[in-house]
Structures are given as C-alpha cells and as structure tokens.
PDB file of N, CA and C in Angstrom:
ATOM      1  N   MET A   1       0.738  -0.873   0.208  1.00  0.00           N
ATOM      2  CA  MET A   1       0.140  -0.173   0.090  1.00  0.00           C
ATOM      3  C   MET A   1       0.794   1.434   0.051  1.00  0.00           C
ATOM      4  N   TYR A   2       0.507   2.370  -0.800  1.00  0.00           N
ATOM      5  CA  TYR A   2       1.090   3.725  -1.054  1.00  0.00           C
ATOM      6  C   TYR A   2       0.134   4.530  -0.289  1.00  0.00           C
ATOM      7  N   ALA A   3       0.735   5.426   0.419  1.00  0.00           N
ATOM      8  CA  ALA A   3       0.066   6.883   0.376  1.00  0.00           C
ATOM      9  C   ALA A   3       0.197   8.025  -0.298  1.00  0.00           C
ATOM     10  N   ALA A   4      -0.181   8.888   0.172  1.00  0.00           N
ATOM     11  CA  ALA A   4      -0.370  10.396  -0.365  1.00  0.00           C
ATOM     12  C   ALA A   4       1.547  10.937  -0.972  1.00  0.00           C
ATOM     13  N   GLU A   5       1.671  11.606  -1.954  1.00  0.00           N
ATOM     14  CA  GLU A   5       3.108  12.202  -2.052  1.00  0.00           C
ATOM     15  C   GLU A   5       3.693  11.095  -2.632  1.00  0.00           C
ATOM     16  N   THR A   6       3.723   9.567  -3.011  1.00  0.00           N
ATOM     17  CA  THR A   6       4.572   8.481  -3.781  1.00  0.00           C
ATOM     18  C   THR A   6       4.117   8.711  -4.949  1.00  0.00           C
ATOM     19  N   GLY A   7       4.863   9.096  -5.702  1.00  0.00           N
ATOM     20  CA  GLY A   7       4.865   9.244  -7.048  1.00  0.00           C
ATOM     21  C   GLY A   7       4.836   7.794  -7.687  1.00  0.00           C
ATOM     22  N   PHE A   8       4.156   7.677  -9.137  1.00  0.00           N
ATOM     23  CA  PHE A   8       4.626   6.734  -9.723  1.00  0.00           C
ATOM     24  C   PHE A   8       4.543   7.280 -11.260  1.00  0.00           C
ATOM     25  N   LEU A   9       5.436   6.141 -11.762  1.00  0.00           N
ATOM     26  CA  LEU A   9       5.862   6.648 -13.100  1.00  0.00           C
ATOM     27  C   LEU A   9       4.953   5.617 -14.219  1.00  0.00           C
ATOM     28  N   ILE A  10       4.098   6.718 -14.555  1.00  0.00           N
ATOM     29  CA  ILE A  10       2.916   6.146 -15.632  1.00  0.00           C
ATOM     30  C   ILE A  10       3.174   6.125 -17.303  1.00  0.00           C
ATOM     31  N   ALA A  11       4.315   7.007 -17.370  1.00  0.00           N
ATOM     32  CA  ALA A  11       4.445   6.640 -19.010  1.00  0.00           C
ATOM     33  C   ALA A  11       6.124   7.325 -18.997  1.00  0.00           C
ATOM     34  N   GLU A  12       6.903   6.775 -20.104  1.00  0.00           N
ATOM     35  CA  GLU A  12       8.634   7.205 -20.149  1.00  0.00           C
ATOM     36  C   GLU A  12       8.097   7.724 -21.690  1.00  0.00           C
ATOM     37  N   ASN A  13       9.280   8.834 -21.624  1.00  0.00           N
ATOM     38  CA  ASN A  13       9.860   9.167 -23.024  1.00  0.00           C
ATOM     39  C   ASN A  13       8.859  10.290 -23.303  1.00  0.00           C
ATOM     40  N   PRO A  14       8.302  11.376 -22.715  1.00  0.00           N
ATOM     41  CA  PRO A  14       8.830  11.921 -21.565  1.00  0.00           C
ATOM     42  C   PRO A  14       8.479  11.141 -20.572  1.00  0.00           C
ATOM     43  N   ASP A  15       9.376  11.352 -19.086  1.00  0.00           N
ATOM     44  CA  ASP A  15       8.805  10.807 -18.091  1.00  0.00           C
ATOM     45  C   ASP A  15       7.674  11.191 -17.685  1.00  0.00           C
ATOM     46  N   THR A  16       6.597  10.304 -16.677  1.00  0.00           N
ATOM     47  CA  THR A  16       5.857  11.284 -16.296  1.00  0.00           C
ATOM     48  C   THR A  16       5.311  10.561 -14.836  1.00  0.00           C
ATOM     49  N   VAL A  17       5.430  11.107 -14.111  1.00  0.00           N
ATOM     50  CA  VAL A  17       5.746  10.724 -12.690  1.00  0.00           C
ATOM     51  C   VAL A  17       3.764  11.298 -11.944  1.00  0.00           C
ATOM     52  N   ARG A  18       3.086  10.589 -11.647  1.00  0.00           N
ATOM     53  CA  ARG A  18       1.669  11.277 -10.845  1.00  0.00           C
ATOM     54  C   ARG A  18       1.957  10.955  -9.406  1.00  0.00           C
ATOM     55  N   ALA A  19       1.088  11.743  -8.213  1.00  0.00           N
ATOM     56  CA  ALA A  19       0.938  11.307  -6.938  1.00  0.00           C
ATOM     57  C   ALA A  19      -0.676  11.096  -6.947  1.00  0.00           C
ATOM     58  N   LEU A  20      -0.833  10.255  -6.138  1.00  0.00           N
ATOM     59  CA  LEU A  20      -2.221   9.901  -5.848  1.00  0.00           C
ATOM     60  C   LEU A  20      -2.594  10.149  -4.166  1.00  0.00           C
ATOM     61  N   ASP A  21      -3.639   9.668  -4.010  1.00  0.00           N
ATOM     62  CA  ASP A  21      -4.019   9.602  -2.222  1.00  0.00           C
ATOM     63  C   ASP A  21      -3.412   8.591  -1.600  1.00  0.00           C
ATOM     64  N   PHE A  22      -3.975   6.836  -2.479  1.00  0.00           N
ATOM     65  CA  PHE A  22      -3.470   5.864  -2.086  1.00  0.00           C
ATOM     66  C   PHE A  22      -3.510   5.023  -2.881  1.00  0.00           C
ATOM     67  N   ALA A  23      -2.662   4.153  -3.033  1.00  0.00           N
ATOM     68  CA  ALA A  23      -2.669   2.941  -4.258  1.00  0.00           C
ATOM     69  C   ALA A  23      -2.296   1.722  -3.154  1.00  0.00           C
ATOM     70  N   PHE A  24      -2.663   0.515  -4.187  1.00  0.00           N
ATOM     71  CA  PHE A  24      -2.575  -0.603  -3.896  1.00  0.00           C
ATOM     72  C   PHE A  24      -1.901  -1.295  -4.887  1.00  0.00           C
ATOM     73  N   ILE A  25      -0.574  -2.019  -4.944  1.00  0.00           N
ATOM     74  CA  ILE A  25      -0.041  -2.831  -5.549  1.00  0.00           C
ATOM     75  C   ILE A  25       0.242  -4.404  -5.009  1.00  0.00           C
ATOM     76  N   GLN A  26      -0.330  -5.249  -5.819  1.00  0.00           N
ATOM     77  CA  GLN A  26       0.146  -6.701  -5.472  1.00  0.00           C
ATOM     78  C   GLN A  26       1.734  -6.907  -4.939  1.00  0.00           C
ATOM     79  N   SER A  27       1.849  -7.328  -3.799  1.00  0.00           N
ATOM     80  CA  SER A  27       3.533  -7.666  -3.334  1.00  0.00           C
ATOM     81  C   SER A  27       4.238  -8.502  -4.384  1.00  0.00           C
ATOM     82  N   SER A  28       3.470  -9.390  -5.036  1.00  0.00           N
ATOM     83  CA  SER A  28       4.509  -9.719  -6.276  1.00  0.00           C
ATOM     84  C   SER A  28       4.818  -8.981  -7.276  1.00  0.00           C
ATOM     85  N   ARG A  29       4.226  -7.947  -7.335  1.00  0.00           N
ATOM     86  CA  ARG A  29       4.936  -7.106  -8.386  1.00  0.00           C
ATOM     87  C   ARG A  29       5.730  -6.204  -8.053  1.00  0.00           C
ATOM     88  N   VAL A  30       5.992  -6.070  -6.836  1.00  0.00           N
ATOM     89  CA  VAL A  30       6.933  -5.277  -6.050  1.00  0.00           C
ATOM     90  C   VAL A  30       8.155  -5.135  -6.092  1.00  0.00           C
ATOM     91  N   THR A  31       9.681  -5.321  -6.591  1.00  0.00           N
ATOM     92  CA  THR A  31      10.774  -5.317  -6.248  1.00  0.00           C
ATOM     93  C   THR A  31      11.572  -4.306  -5.790  1.00  0.00           C
ATOM     94  N   PRO A  32      12.798  -4.598  -5.075  1.00  0.00           N
ATOM     95  CA  PRO A  32      13.569  -3.496  -4.836  1.00  0.00           C
ATOM     96  C   PRO A  32      14.012  -2.725  -6.159  1.00  0.00           C
ATOM     97  N   GLU A  33      14.213  -3.227  -7.432  1.00  0.00           N
ATOM     98  CA  GLU A  33      14.678  -2.228  -8.363  1.00  0.00           C
ATOM     99  C   GLU A  33      13.254  -1.401  -9.042  1.00  0.00           C
ATOM    100  N   THR A  34      12.094  -1.480  -8.606  1.00  0.00           N
ATOM    101  CA  THR A  34      10.941  -1.089  -9.086  1.00  0.00           C
ATOM    102  C   THR A  34      10.518   0.266  -8.032  1.00  0.00           C
ATOM    103  N   VAL A  35      11.277   0.046  -6.960  1.00  0.00           N
ATOM    104  CA  VAL A  35      11.186   1.167  -5.935  1.00  0.00           C
ATOM    105  C   VAL A  35      12.042   2.148  -5.573  1.00  0.00           C
ATOM    106  N   ALA A  36      11.881   3.679  -5.967  1.00  0.00           N
ATOM    107  CA  ALA A  36      12.713   4.403  -6.111  1.00  0.00           C
ATOM    108  C   ALA A  36      12.112   5.006  -4.335  1.00  0.00           C
ATOM    109  N   PRO A  37      13.586   6.007  -4.052  1.00  0.00           N
ATOM    110  CA  PRO A  37      13.233   7.012  -2.768  1.00  0.00           C
ATOM    111  C   PRO A  37      11.874   7.632  -2.914  1.00  0.00           C
ATOM    112  N   THR A  38      11.134   8.164  -3.976  1.00  0.00           N
ATOM    113  CA  THR A  38      10.267   8.962  -3.446  1.00  0.00           C
ATOM    114  C   THR A  38       9.210   8.517  -5.234  1.00  0.00           C
ATOM    115  N   TRP A  39       9.635   7.357  -5.869  1.00  0.00           N
ATOM    116  CA  TRP A  39       8.512   7.069  -6.743  1.00  0.00           C
ATOM    117  C   TRP A  39       8.660   5.810  -6.964  1.00  0.00           C
ATOM    118  N   VAL A  40       7.419   5.241  -7.883  1.00  0.00           N
ATOM    119  CA  VAL A  40       7.439   3.784  -7.750  1.00  0.00           C
ATOM    120  C   VAL A  40       7.088   3.479  -9.801  1.00  0.00           C
ATOM    121  N   SER A  41       8.069   2.462 -10.185  1.00  0.00           N
ATOM    122  CA  SER A  41       7.393   2.298 -11.384  1.00  0.00           C
ATOM    123  C   SER A  41       6.735   1.203 -12.005  1.00  0.00           C
ATOM    124  N   VAL A  42       6.105   0.843 -11.099  1.00  0.00           N
ATOM    125  CA  VAL A  42       5.008  -0.013 -11.117  1.00  0.00           C
ATOM    126  C   VAL A  42       3.410   0.448 -11.102  1.00  0.00           C
ATOM    127  N   ILE A  43       2.769   0.275 -12.002  1.00  0.00           N
ATOM    128  CA  ILE A  43       1.400   0.822 -12.121  1.00  0.00           C
ATOM    129  C   ILE A  43       0.654   0.192 -11.211  1.00  0.00           C
ATOM    130  N   PRO A  44      -0.092   0.672 -10.490  1.00  0.00           N
ATOM    131  CA  PRO A  44      -0.783   0.525  -9.154  1.00  0.00           C
ATOM    132  C   PRO A  44      -1.950  -0.728  -9.431  1.00  0.00           C
ATOM    133  N   ASP A  45      -2.598  -1.382  -8.870  1.00  0.00           N
ATOM    134  CA  ASP A  45      -3.539  -2.240  -9.294  1.00  0.00           C
ATOM    135  C   ASP A  45      -4.532  -1.799  -8.743  1.00  0.00           C
ATOM    136  N   LEU A  46      -4.878  -0.817  -7.940  1.00  0.00           N
ATOM    137  CA  LEU A  46      -5.878  -0.111  -7.277  1.00  0.00           C
ATOM    138  C   LEU A  46      -5.426   1.371  -7.240  1.00  0.00           C
ATOM    139  N   VAL A  47      -6.137   2.442  -7.466  1.00  0.00           N
ATOM    140  CA  VAL A  47      -6.068   3.778  -6.869  1.00  0.00           C
ATOM    141  C   VAL A  47      -7.317   4.277  -6.049  1.00  0.00           C
ATOM    142  N   LEU A  48      -6.932   4.781  -5.335  1.00  0.00           N
ATOM    143  CA  LEU A  48      -8.069   5.537  -4.570  1.00  0.00           C
ATOM    144  C   LEU A  48      -7.695   7.071  -4.445  1.00  0.00           C
ATOM    145  N   GLU A  49      -8.983   7.787  -4.973  1.00  0.00           N
ATOM    146  CA  GLU A  49      -8.645   9.443  -4.771  1.00  0.00           C
ATOM    147  C   GLU A  49      -9.980   9.771  -4.019  1.00  0.00           C
ATOM    148  N   VAL A  50      -9.562  10.885  -3.042  1.00  0.00           N
ATOM    149  CA  VAL A  50     -10.363  11.551  -2.086  1.00  0.00           C
ATOM    150  C   VAL A  50     -10.791  12.887  -3.328  1.00  0.00           C
ATOM    151  N   VAL A  51     -12.021  13.077  -3.153  1.00  0.00           N
ATOM    152  CA  VAL A  51     -12.536  14.570  -3.726  1.00  0.00           C
ATOM    153  C   VAL A  51     -12.539  15.345  -2.774  1.00  0.00           C
ATOM    154  N   SER A  52     -11.352  16.694  -2.887  1.00  0.00           N
ATOM    155  CA  SER A  52     -11.962  17.842  -1.909  1.00  0.00           C
ATOM    156  C   SER A  52     -12.685  18.794  -2.661  1.00  0.00           C
ATOM    157  N   THR A  53     -13.591  19.567  -1.527  1.00  0.00           N
ATOM    158  CA  THR A  53     -14.545  20.636  -2.045  1.00  0.00           C
ATOM    159  C   THR A  53     -14.079  21.519  -3.157  1.00  0.00           C
ATOM    160  N   GLY A  54     -12.974  21.611  -3.030  1.00  0.00           N
ATOM    161  CA  GLY A  54     -12.209  22.463  -4.405  1.00  0.00           C
ATOM    162  C   GLY A  54     -11.934  22.007  -5.491  1.00  0.00           C
ATOM    163  N   ASP A  55     -11.839  20.921  -5.814  1.00  0.00           N
ATOM    164  CA  ASP A  55     -12.021  19.661  -6.955  1.00  0.00           C
ATOM    165  C   ASP A  55     -12.810  19.972  -7.926  1.00  0.00           C
ATOM    166  N   ARG A  56     -12.922  20.332  -9.128  1.00  0.00           N
ATOM    167  CA  ARG A  56     -13.657  20.149 -10.352  1.00  0.00           C
ATOM    168  C   ARG A  56     -13.598  18.945 -10.578  1.00  0.00           C
ATOM    169  N   GLU A  57     -15.069  18.750 -11.095  1.00  0.00           N
ATOM    170  CA  GLU A  57     -15.228  17.558 -11.589  1.00  0.00           C
ATOM    171  C   GLU A  57     -14.417  17.293 -12.685  1.00  0.00           C
ATOM    172  N   THR A  58     -14.069  18.110 -13.648  1.00  0.00           N
ATOM    173  CA  THR A  58     -13.456  17.734 -14.968  1.00  0.00           C
ATOM    174  C   THR A  58     -12.000  17.482 -14.450  1.00  0.00           C
ATOM    175  N   GLU A  59     -11.501  17.795 -13.307  1.00  0.00           N
ATOM    176  CA  GLU A  59     -10.005  17.667 -13.301  1.00  0.00           C
ATOM    177  C   GLU A  59      -9.970  16.227 -12.674  1.00  0.00           C
ATOM    178  N   VAL A  60     -11.084  15.765 -11.848  1.00  0.00           N
ATOM    179  CA  VAL A  60     -11.730  14.465 -11.183  1.00  0.00           C
ATOM    180  C   VAL A  60     -11.468  13.022 -12.489  1.00  0.00           C
ATOM    181  N   ALA A  61     -12.261  13.833 -13.269  1.00  0.00           N
ATOM    182  CA  ALA A  61     -12.659  12.588 -14.578  1.00  0.00           C
ATOM    183  C   ALA A  61     -11.341  12.572 -15.385  1.00  0.00           C
ATOM    184  N   SER A  62     -10.407  13.550 -15.327  1.00  0.00           N
ATOM    185  CA  SER A  62      -9.286  13.742 -16.242  1.00  0.00           C
ATOM    186  C   SER A  62      -8.235  12.542 -15.607  1.00  0.00           C
ATOM    187  N   LYS A  63      -8.002  12.953 -13.886  1.00  0.00           N
ATOM    188  CA  LYS A  63      -6.963  12.098 -13.525  1.00  0.00           C
ATOM    189  C   LYS A  63      -7.749  10.469 -13.236  1.00  0.00           C
ATOM    190  N   THR A  64      -8.941  10.579 -13.119  1.00  0.00           N
ATOM    191  CA  THR A  64      -9.616   8.968 -13.315  1.00  0.00           C
ATOM    192  C   THR A  64      -8.939   8.418 -14.592  1.00  0.00           C
ATOM    193  N   ARG A  65      -9.426   8.830 -15.718  1.00  0.00           N
ATOM    194  CA  ARG A  65      -9.131   8.772 -16.824  1.00  0.00           C
ATOM    195  C   ARG A  65      -7.428   8.453 -17.381  1.00  0.00           C
ATOM    196  N   MET A  66      -6.923   9.016 -16.967  1.00  0.00           N
ATOM    197  CA  MET A  66      -5.487   9.120 -16.686  1.00  0.00           C
ATOM    198  C   MET A  66      -4.734   7.869 -16.271  1.00  0.00           C
ATOM    199  N   TRP A  67      -5.194   7.381 -14.659  1.00  0.00           N
ATOM    200  CA  TRP A  67      -4.842   6.392 -14.106  1.00  0.00           C
ATOM    201  C   TRP A  67      -5.777   4.888 -14.962  1.00  0.00           C
ATOM    202  N   LEU A  68      -6.477   4.823 -15.331  1.00  0.00           N
ATOM    203  CA  LEU A  68      -7.252   3.764 -16.203  1.00  0.00           C
ATOM    204  C   LEU A  68      -6.057   3.840 -17.531  1.00  0.00           C
ATOM    205  N   ASP A  69      -5.845   4.613 -17.961  1.00  0.00           N
ATOM    206  CA  ASP A  69      -5.170   4.694 -19.776  1.00  0.00           C
ATOM    207  C   ASP A  69      -3.809   4.316 -18.761  1.00  0.00           C
ATOM    208  N   ALA A  70      -3.564   4.604 -17.925  1.00  0.00           N
ATOM    209  CA  ALA A  70      -2.042   3.907 -17.674  1.00  0.00           C
ATOM    210  C   ALA A  70      -1.957   2.545 -17.594  1.00  0.00           C
ATOM    211  N   GLY A  71      -3.081   1.736 -17.039  1.00  0.00           N
ATOM    212  CA  GLY A  71      -3.022   0.508 -17.081  1.00  0.00           C
ATOM    213  C   GLY A  71      -3.750   0.011 -15.317  1.00  0.00           C
ATOM    214  N   VAL A  72      -4.526   0.978 -14.252  1.00  0.00           N
ATOM    215  CA  VAL A  72      -4.741   0.374 -13.443  1.00  0.00           C
ATOM    216  C   VAL A  72      -5.884  -0.071 -13.526  1.00  0.00           C
ATOM    217  N   GLY A  73      -6.307  -1.247 -12.902  1.00  0.00           N
ATOM    218  CA  GLY A  73      -7.193  -2.115 -12.847  1.00  0.00           C
ATOM    219  C   GLY A  73      -8.520  -1.613 -12.053  1.00  0.00           C
ATOM    220  N   LEU A  74      -8.518  -0.793 -11.151  1.00  0.00           N
ATOM    221  CA  LEU A  74      -9.680  -0.322 -10.353  1.00  0.00           C
ATOM    222  C   LEU A  74      -9.068   1.076  -9.761  1.00  0.00           C
ATOM    223  N   VAL A  75     -10.150   2.036  -9.943  1.00  0.00           N
ATOM    224  CA  VAL A  75      -9.713   3.445  -9.370  1.00  0.00           C
ATOM    225  C   VAL A  75     -11.362   3.739  -8.620  1.00  0.00           C
ATOM    226  N   TRP A  76     -11.001   3.939  -7.350  1.00  0.00           N
ATOM    227  CA  TRP A  76     -12.441   4.302  -6.587  1.00  0.00           C
ATOM    228  C   TRP A  76     -11.993   5.620  -6.092  1.00  0.00           C
ATOM    229  N   VAL A  77     -13.365   6.564  -6.352  1.00  0.00           N
ATOM    230  CA  VAL A  77     -13.062   8.135  -6.028  1.00  0.00           C
ATOM    231  C   VAL A  77     -14.383   8.055  -4.871  1.00  0.00           C
ATOM    232  N   VAL A  78     -13.885   8.968  -4.005  1.00  0.00           N
ATOM    233  CA  VAL A  78     -14.286   9.022  -2.852  1.00  0.00           C
ATOM    234  C   VAL A  78     -14.904  10.322  -2.829  1.00  0.00           C
ATOM    235  N   TYR A  79     -16.209  10.673  -2.330  1.00  0.00           N
ATOM    236  CA  TYR A  79     -17.126  11.982  -2.341  1.00  0.00           C
ATOM    237  C   TYR A  79     -17.218  12.271  -1.120  1.00  0.00           C
ATOM    238  N   PRO A  80     -16.442  12.500  -0.184  1.00  0.00           N
ATOM    239  CA  PRO A  80     -16.886  12.836   0.984  1.00  0.00           C
ATOM    240  C   PRO A  80     -18.240  13.719   1.279  1.00  0.00           C
ATOM    241  N   ALA A  81     -18.103  14.563   0.711  1.00  0.00           N
ATOM    242  CA  ALA A  81     -19.276  15.824   0.661  1.00  0.00           C
ATOM    243  C   ALA A  81     -20.533  15.019   0.621  1.00  0.00           C
ATOM    244  N   ARG A  82     -20.664  13.734  -0.485  1.00  0.00           N
ATOM    245  CA  ARG A  82     -21.826  13.253  -1.210  1.00  0.00           C
ATOM    246  C   ARG A  82     -21.813  11.937  -0.790  1.00  0.00           C
ATOM    247  N   ARG A  83     -20.898  11.572   0.546  1.00  0.00           N
ATOM    248  CA  ARG A  83     -21.293  10.421   0.722  1.00  0.00           C
ATOM    249  C   ARG A  83     -21.239   9.134   0.093  1.00  0.00           C
ATOM    250  N   GLU A  84     -20.228   9.063  -0.869  1.00  0.00           N
ATOM    251  CA  GLU A  84     -20.521   8.280  -2.060  1.00  0.00           C
ATOM    252  C   GLU A  84     -18.909   7.580  -2.841  1.00  0.00           C
ATOM    253  N   ILE A  85     -19.063   6.612  -3.179  1.00  0.00           N
ATOM    254  CA  ILE A  85     -17.908   6.307  -3.770  1.00  0.00           C
ATOM    255  C   ILE A  85     -18.315   5.836  -5.146  1.00  0.00           C
ATOM    256  N   VAL A  86     -17.220   6.470  -6.280  1.00  0.00           N
ATOM    257  CA  VAL A  86     -17.589   5.814  -7.727  1.00  0.00           C
ATOM    258  C   VAL A  86     -16.402   4.947  -8.187  1.00  0.00           C
ATOM    259  N   ILE A  87     -16.713   3.547  -8.500  1.00  0.00           N
ATOM    260  CA  ILE A  87     -16.129   2.799  -8.579  1.00  0.00           C
ATOM    261  C   ILE A  87     -15.627   2.741 -10.383  1.00  0.00           C
ATOM    262  N   HIS A  88     -14.610   3.005 -10.642  1.00  0.00           N
ATOM    263  CA  HIS A  88     -14.098   3.051 -12.071  1.00  0.00           C
ATOM    264  C   HIS A  88     -13.362   1.781 -12.732  1.00  0.00           C
ATOM    265  N   ARG A  89     -13.671   1.266 -13.609  1.00  0.00           N
ATOM    266  CA  ARG A  89     -13.348   0.482 -14.316  1.00  0.00           C
ATOM    267  C   ARG A  89     -12.844   0.762 -15.850  1.00  0.00           C
ATOM    268  N   THR A  90     -12.261   0.510 -17.203  1.00  0.00           N
ATOM    269  CA  THR A  90     -11.597   0.789 -17.953  1.00  0.00           C
ATOM    270  C   THR A  90     -12.901   0.820 -18.679  1.00  0.00           C
ATOM    271  N   ASP A  91     -14.340   0.255 -18.400  1.00  0.00           N
ATOM    272  CA  ASP A  91     -15.061   0.336 -19.290  1.00  0.00           C
ATOM    273  C   ASP A  91     -16.566   0.615 -18.723  1.00  0.00           C
ATOM    274  N   SER A  92     -16.582   1.098 -17.377  1.00  0.00           N
ATOM    275  CA  SER A  92     -17.998   1.159 -16.405  1.00  0.00           C
ATOM    276  C   SER A  92     -17.822   2.007 -15.152  1.00  0.00           C
ATOM    277  N   ALA A  93     -18.259   2.331 -15.056  1.00  0.00           N
ATOM    278  CA  ALA A  93     -18.201   3.025 -13.605  1.00  0.00           C
ATOM    279  C   ALA A  93     -19.693   3.083 -12.733  1.00  0.00           C
ATOM    280  N   THR A  94     -19.313   2.707 -11.498  1.00  0.00           N
ATOM    281  CA  THR A  94     -20.614   2.269 -10.730  1.00  0.00           C
ATOM    282  C   THR A  94     -20.536   3.399  -9.582  1.00  0.00           C
ATOM    283  N   THR A  95     -21.666   3.529  -8.745  1.00  0.00           N
ATOM    284  CA  THR A  95     -21.962   4.375  -7.738  1.00  0.00           C
ATOM    285  C   THR A  95     -22.189   3.833  -6.637  1.00  0.00           C
ATOM    286  N   LEU A  96     -21.737   3.989  -5.577  1.00  0.00           N
ATOM    287  CA  LEU A  96     -21.958   3.059  -4.354  1.00  0.00           C
ATOM    288  C   LEU A  96     -22.219   3.902  -3.168  1.00  0.00           C
ATOM    289  N   ALA A  97     -23.419   3.981  -2.654  1.00  0.00           N
ATOM    290  CA  ALA A  97     -23.999   4.950  -1.629  1.00  0.00           C
ATOM    291  C   ALA A  97     -23.627   4.010  -0.371  1.00  0.00           C
ATOM    292  N   GLU A  98     -24.233   4.745   1.097  1.00  0.00           N
ATOM    293  CA  GLU A  98     -23.710   4.291   2.147  1.00  0.00           C
ATOM    294  C   GLU A  98     -24.311   2.937   3.026  1.00  0.00           C
ATOM    295  N   THR A  99     -25.255   2.819   1.814  1.00  0.00           N
ATOM    296  CA  THR A  99     -26.342   0.917   2.319  1.00  0.00           C
ATOM    297  C   THR A  99     -25.283  -0.373   1.580  1.00  0.00           C
ATOM    298  N   ASP A 100     -24.152   0.490   0.643  1.00  0.00           N
ATOM    299  CA  ASP A 100     -23.755  -0.535  -0.075  1.00  0.00           C
ATOM    300  C   ASP A 100     -22.508  -1.003   0.533  1.00  0.00           C
ATOM    301  N   THR A 101     -21.763  -1.808   0.081  1.00  0.00           N
ATOM    302  CA  THR A 101     -20.157  -2.411   0.196  1.00  0.00           C
ATOM    303  C   THR A 101     -19.516  -2.419  -0.784  1.00  0.00           C
ATOM    304  N   LEU A 102     -18.018  -1.757  -0.608  1.00  0.00           N
ATOM    305  CA  LEU A 102     -17.152  -1.472  -1.259  1.00  0.00           C
ATOM    306  C   LEU A 102     -16.330  -2.702  -0.863  1.00  0.00           C
ATOM    307  N   THR A 103     -15.845  -3.401  -2.223  1.00  0.00           N
ATOM    308  CA  THR A 103     -15.181  -4.648  -2.493  1.00  0.00           C
ATOM    309  C   THR A 103     -13.879  -4.364  -3.320  1.00  0.00           C
ATOM    310  N   GLY A 104     -13.119  -5.089  -3.141  1.00  0.00           N
ATOM    311  CA  GLY A 104     -11.723  -5.286  -3.828  1.00  0.00           C
ATOM    312  C   GLY A 104     -11.776  -5.728  -5.194  1.00  0.00           C
ATOM    313  N   GLU A 105     -13.137  -6.518  -5.533  1.00  0.00           N
ATOM    314  CA  GLU A 105     -13.009  -7.086  -6.802  1.00  0.00           C
ATOM    315  C   GLU A 105     -12.281  -8.361  -6.765  1.00  0.00           C
ATOM    316  N   ASP A 106     -11.773  -8.177  -8.235  1.00  0.00           N
ATOM    317  CA  ASP A 106     -10.800  -9.545  -8.593  1.00  0.00           C
ATOM    318  C   ASP A 106      -9.685  -8.486  -8.673  1.00  0.00           C
ATOM    319  N   VAL A 107      -9.452  -7.630  -8.159  1.00  0.00           N
ATOM    320  CA  VAL A 107      -7.770  -6.930  -7.794  1.00  0.00           C
ATOM    321  C   VAL A 107      -7.627  -6.777  -6.531  1.00  0.00           C
ATOM    322  N   VAL A 108      -8.448  -6.974  -5.520  1.00  0.00           N
ATOM    323  CA  VAL A 108      -8.106  -7.252  -4.452  1.00  0.00           C
ATOM    324  C   VAL A 108      -8.970  -8.393  -3.473  1.00  0.00           C
ATOM    325  N   PRO A 109      -8.867  -9.457  -3.718  1.00  0.00           N
ATOM    326  CA  PRO A 109      -9.487 -10.412  -3.272  1.00  0.00           C
ATOM    327  C   PRO A 109      -9.953 -10.495  -1.676  1.00  0.00           C
ATOM    328  N   GLY A 110     -11.272 -10.530  -1.565  1.00  0.00           N
ATOM    329  CA  GLY A 110     -11.782 -10.901  -0.194  1.00  0.00           C
ATOM    330  C   GLY A 110     -11.632  -9.618   0.324  1.00  0.00           C
ATOM    331  N   PHE A 111     -11.506  -8.458  -0.142  1.00  0.00           N
ATOM    332  CA  PHE A 111     -11.534  -7.078   0.402  1.00  0.00           C
ATOM    333  C   PHE A 111     -12.948  -6.501   0.481  1.00  0.00           C
ATOM    334  N   ALA A 112     -13.937  -6.490   1.325  1.00  0.00           N
ATOM    335  CA  ALA A 112     -14.989  -5.619   1.414  1.00  0.00           C
ATOM    336  C   ALA A 112     -15.483  -5.320   2.759  1.00  0.00           C
ATOM    337  N   LEU A 113     -15.940  -3.807   2.413  1.00  0.00           N
ATOM    338  CA  LEU A 113     -16.175  -2.770   3.737  1.00  0.00           C
ATOM    339  C   LEU A 113     -17.389  -2.148   3.534  1.00  0.00           C
ATOM    340  N   PRO A 114     -17.994  -2.204   4.435  1.00  0.00           N
ATOM    341  CA  PRO A 114     -19.647  -1.141   4.176  1.00  0.00           C
ATOM    342  C   PRO A 114     -19.163   0.292   3.812  1.00  0.00           C
ATOM    343  N   VAL A 115     -19.776   1.039   2.971  1.00  0.00           N
ATOM    344  CA  VAL A 115     -19.408   2.248   2.550  1.00  0.00           C
ATOM    345  C   VAL A 115     -19.876   3.054   3.807  1.00  0.00           C
ATOM    346  N   ALA A 116     -20.746   2.907   4.255  1.00  0.00           N
ATOM    347  CA  ALA A 116     -20.812   3.755   5.782  1.00  0.00           C
ATOM    348  C   ALA A 116     -19.411   3.827   6.919  1.00  0.00           C
ATOM    349  N   GLU A 117     -19.037   2.557   6.877  1.00  0.00           N
ATOM    350  CA  GLU A 117     -17.592   2.639   7.528  1.00  0.00           C
ATOM    351  C   GLU A 117     -16.620   3.669   6.947  1.00  0.00           C
ATOM    352  N   VAL A 118     -16.383   3.924   5.995  1.00  0.00           N
ATOM    353  CA  VAL A 118     -15.720   4.993   5.139  1.00  0.00           C
ATOM    354  C   VAL A 118     -15.925   6.248   5.475  1.00  0.00           C
ATOM    355  N   PHE A 119     -17.166   6.544   5.347  1.00  0.00           N
ATOM    356  CA  PHE A 119     -17.577   7.938   6.319  1.00  0.00           C
ATOM    357  C   PHE A 119     -17.792   8.030   7.703  1.00  0.00           C
ATOM    358  N   GLY A 120     -17.568   7.013   8.384  1.00  0.00           N
ATOM    359  CA  GLY A 120     -17.591   7.152   9.700  1.00  0.00           C
ATOM    360  C   GLY A 120     -19.037   6.845  10.395  1.00  0.00           C
ATOM    361  N   SER A 121     -20.224   6.137   9.495  1.00  0.00           N
ATOM    362  CA  SER A 121     -21.042   5.720  10.112  1.00  0.00           C
ATOM    363  C   SER A 121     -21.420   4.793  10.740  1.00  0.00           C
TER     364      SER A 121
END
C-alpha cells in the first residue's frame, strides 16, 4: 500500500510521474528495483482518490481517465461531501451509497467494507 505523496511512473519518453491519495500494488509485482526513494515504476492495481470541496469534476474525471489509461485495474473516487464512492474500471463506473459494500473485486480479492464505515457512520 502506498499513501499520498508517493509518485508513480505512468509513462516514459517523456517520463511522467503522478501522485495520488492511496494506491495498492500486489506484493508479487513489487521488487527493490521498482521502488525509488520517492516514486514507484509499477502501475498500481488499485488507486483511491479523495475529492476535496475545491476539486473540479473535470479534473477528477481527467485524473481518473489518466490512471485507467496507464493500466490501473480499479479506481475508487471517494466523495466525502456526497458520502458516496464511484468505482471506475476501463469500461464502466458504478456509484456506491452508504448502504452498499465496497469490495476489491478481482483486484483485491476478499476485501469488503461497508461504505458507511468509510464515512464514519
């Protein structure tokens, strides 16, 4: 798991390093050669972005598309003000409310958490 301020190399020539709020990479995909002091050269399996009140919807959509285009399998976009989470895959998006359960699907098998717990309910 990687927290905010960790950069990920998502493209080369020119090199493009992007930061995120949270990422998960399966341990089998991480080696000492893929981890630099401040960035990782492995595309995450899962990215989580938390939307702040000042974030524009177009910027959130652009970042989400960037991660998916880079090869991230699952992007969770958390909207604290709306108390919902939008699950993005390359070809679909699903909105979860507090009554739903957030799962890791095939990316993080076995992970399940009630959305209400994400928001402290």
